[in-house]
Protein backbone atom coordinates (compact mmCIF):
# COMPACT_ATOMS: atom_id res chain seq x y z
CA UNK A 1 0.00 0.00 0.00
CA UNK A 2 1.29 3.44 -0.93
CA UNK A 3 0.85 5.78 2.03
CA UNK A 4 1.91 9.17 0.70
CA UNK A 5 2.42 11.25 -2.41
CA UNK A 6 6.17 11.07 -1.75
CA UNK A 7 6.09 7.24 -1.86
CA UNK A 8 3.91 7.40 -4.97
CA UNK A 9 6.44 9.64 -6.73
CA UNK A 10 9.35 7.37 -5.77
CA UNK A 11 7.51 4.31 -7.06
CA UNK A 12 6.65 6.04 -10.34
CA UNK A 13 10.37 6.81 -10.76
CA UNK A 14 11.26 3.17 -10.09
CA UNK A 15 8.65 1.98 -12.59
CA UNK A 16 10.19 4.25 -15.22
CA UNK A 17 13.59 2.69 -14.49
CA UNK A 18 12.19 -0.81 -14.84
CA UNK A 19 10.39 0.08 -18.07
CA UNK A 20 13.66 1.22 -19.60
CA UNK A 21 14.69 -2.46 -19.77
CA UNK A 22 12.50 -4.11 -22.46
CA UNK A 23 12.87 -7.62 -20.98
CA UNK A 24 11.11 -6.46 -17.80
CA UNK A 25 7.96 -5.82 -19.80
CA UNK A 26 7.59 -9.08 -21.71
CA UNK A 27 9.73 -11.72 -20.05
CA UNK A 28 8.48 -13.30 -16.80
CA UNK A 29 12.00 -14.65 -16.27
CA UNK A 30 13.54 -11.16 -16.29
CA UNK A 31 14.92 -9.80 -13.03
CA UNK A 32 12.57 -6.79 -12.89
CA UNK A 33 9.40 -8.35 -14.29
CA UNK A 34 7.76 -9.25 -10.97
CA UNK A 35 8.80 -5.98 -9.33
CA UNK A 36 7.40 -3.99 -12.25
CA UNK A 37 4.07 -5.78 -12.08
CA UNK A 38 3.73 -5.45 -8.32
CA UNK A 39 4.62 -1.75 -8.33
CA UNK A 40 2.24 -1.12 -11.23
CA UNK A 41 -0.60 -2.72 -9.27
CA UNK A 42 0.19 -0.58 -6.22
CA UNK A 43 0.19 2.59 -8.33
CA UNK A 44 -3.09 1.64 -10.00
CA UNK A 45 -4.75 1.15 -6.60
CA UNK A 46 -3.34 4.43 -5.28
CA UNK A 47 -4.43 6.38 -8.36
CA UNK A 48 -7.92 4.93 -8.20
CA UNK A 49 -8.30 6.31 -4.67
CA UNK A 50 -6.36 9.58 -4.90
CA UNK A 51 -6.37 10.55 -8.58
CA UNK A 52 -9.60 9.16 -10.04
CA UNK A 53 -10.37 9.83 -13.68
CA UNK A 54 -13.64 11.67 -14.00
CA UNK A 55 -16.08 10.59 -16.68
CA UNK A 56 -16.21 12.94 -19.66
CA UNK A 57 -18.97 15.50 -19.85
CA UNK A 58 -20.87 16.27 -23.00
CA UNK A 59 -21.11 20.02 -23.28
C-alpha atoms as a PDB file:
ATOM      1  CA  UNK A   1       0.000   0.000   0.000  1.00  0.00           C
ATOM      2  CA  UNK A   2       1.294   3.444  -0.928  1.00  0.00           C
ATOM      3  CA  UNK A   3       0.850   5.784   2.028  1.00  0.00           C
ATOM      4  CA  UNK A   4       1.911   9.174   0.699  1.00  0.00           C
ATOM      5  CA  UNK A   5       2.419  11.248  -2.409  1.00  0.00           C
ATOM      6  CA  UNK A   6       6.174  11.066  -1.752  1.00  0.00           C
ATOM      7  CA  UNK A   7       6.088   7.243  -1.859  1.00  0.00           C
ATOM      8  CA  UNK A   8       3.911   7.403  -4.970  1.00  0.00           C
ATOM      9  CA  UNK A   9       6.439   9.637  -6.730  1.00  0.00           C
ATOM     10  CA  UNK A  10       9.346   7.371  -5.768  1.00  0.00           C
ATOM     11  CA  UNK A  11       7.515   4.305  -7.060  1.00  0.00           C
ATOM     12  CA  UNK A  12       6.653   6.043 -10.340  1.00  0.00           C
ATOM     13  CA  UNK A  13      10.366   6.812 -10.759  1.00  0.00           C
ATOM     14  CA  UNK A  14      11.263   3.168 -10.087  1.00  0.00           C
ATOM     15  CA  UNK A  15       8.648   1.977 -12.595  1.00  0.00           C
ATOM     16  CA  UNK A  16      10.193   4.250 -15.220  1.00  0.00           C
ATOM     17  CA  UNK A  17      13.593   2.690 -14.489  1.00  0.00           C
ATOM     18  CA  UNK A  18      12.190  -0.813 -14.836  1.00  0.00           C
ATOM     19  CA  UNK A  19      10.387   0.085 -18.071  1.00  0.00           C
ATOM     20  CA  UNK A  20      13.661   1.220 -19.602  1.00  0.00           C
ATOM     21  CA  UNK A  21      14.686  -2.463 -19.770  1.00  0.00           C
ATOM     22  CA  UNK A  22      12.503  -4.110 -22.460  1.00  0.00           C
ATOM     23  CA  UNK A  23      12.867  -7.621 -20.975  1.00  0.00           C
ATOM     24  CA  UNK A  24      11.113  -6.463 -17.800  1.00  0.00           C
ATOM     25  CA  UNK A  25       7.961  -5.820 -19.799  1.00  0.00           C
ATOM     26  CA  UNK A  26       7.586  -9.077 -21.713  1.00  0.00           C
ATOM     27  CA  UNK A  27       9.731 -11.719 -20.053  1.00  0.00           C
ATOM     28  CA  UNK A  28       8.483 -13.296 -16.798  1.00  0.00           C
ATOM     29  CA  UNK A  29      12.003 -14.654 -16.274  1.00  0.00           C
ATOM     30  CA  UNK A  30      13.542 -11.156 -16.285  1.00  0.00           C
ATOM     31  CA  UNK A  31      14.924  -9.805 -13.034  1.00  0.00           C
ATOM     32  CA  UNK A  32      12.575  -6.787 -12.885  1.00  0.00           C
ATOM     33  CA  UNK A  33       9.399  -8.354 -14.290  1.00  0.00           C
ATOM     34  CA  UNK A  34       7.763  -9.250 -10.969  1.00  0.00           C
ATOM     35  CA  UNK A  35       8.803  -5.978  -9.328  1.00  0.00           C
ATOM     36  CA  UNK A  36       7.403  -3.990 -12.250  1.00  0.00           C
ATOM     37  CA  UNK A  37       4.066  -5.777 -12.081  1.00  0.00           C
ATOM     38  CA  UNK A  38       3.733  -5.450  -8.319  1.00  0.00           C
ATOM     39  CA  UNK A  39       4.619  -1.753  -8.330  1.00  0.00           C
ATOM     40  CA  UNK A  40       2.245  -1.121 -11.228  1.00  0.00           C
ATOM     41  CA  UNK A  41      -0.602  -2.718  -9.266  1.00  0.00           C
ATOM     42  CA  UNK A  42       0.193  -0.577  -6.225  1.00  0.00           C
ATOM     43  CA  UNK A  43       0.188   2.585  -8.331  1.00  0.00           C
ATOM     44  CA  UNK A  44      -3.093   1.642 -10.004  1.00  0.00           C
ATOM     45  CA  UNK A  45      -4.747   1.147  -6.603  1.00  0.00           C
ATOM     46  CA  UNK A  46      -3.342   4.434  -5.279  1.00  0.00           C
ATOM     47  CA  UNK A  47      -4.426   6.383  -8.358  1.00  0.00           C
ATOM     48  CA  UNK A  48      -7.918   4.925  -8.199  1.00  0.00           C
ATOM     49  CA  UNK A  49      -8.295   6.314  -4.667  1.00  0.00           C
ATOM     50  CA  UNK A  50      -6.364   9.577  -4.896  1.00  0.00           C
ATOM     51  CA  UNK A  51      -6.374  10.549  -8.582  1.00  0.00           C
ATOM     52  CA  UNK A  52      -9.599   9.164 -10.038  1.00  0.00           C
ATOM     53  CA  UNK A  53     -10.367   9.832 -13.681  1.00  0.00           C
ATOM     54  CA  UNK A  54     -13.636  11.669 -13.997  1.00  0.00           C
ATOM     55  CA  UNK A  55     -16.077  10.587 -16.682  1.00  0.00           C
ATOM     56  CA  UNK A  56     -16.205  12.938 -19.664  1.00  0.00           C
ATOM     57  CA  UNK A  57     -18.969  15.502 -19.855  1.00  0.00           C
ATOM     58  CA  UNK A  58     -20.868  16.270 -22.998  1.00  0.00           C
ATOM     59  CA  UNK A  59     -21.109  20.024 -23.279  1.00  0.00           C
END
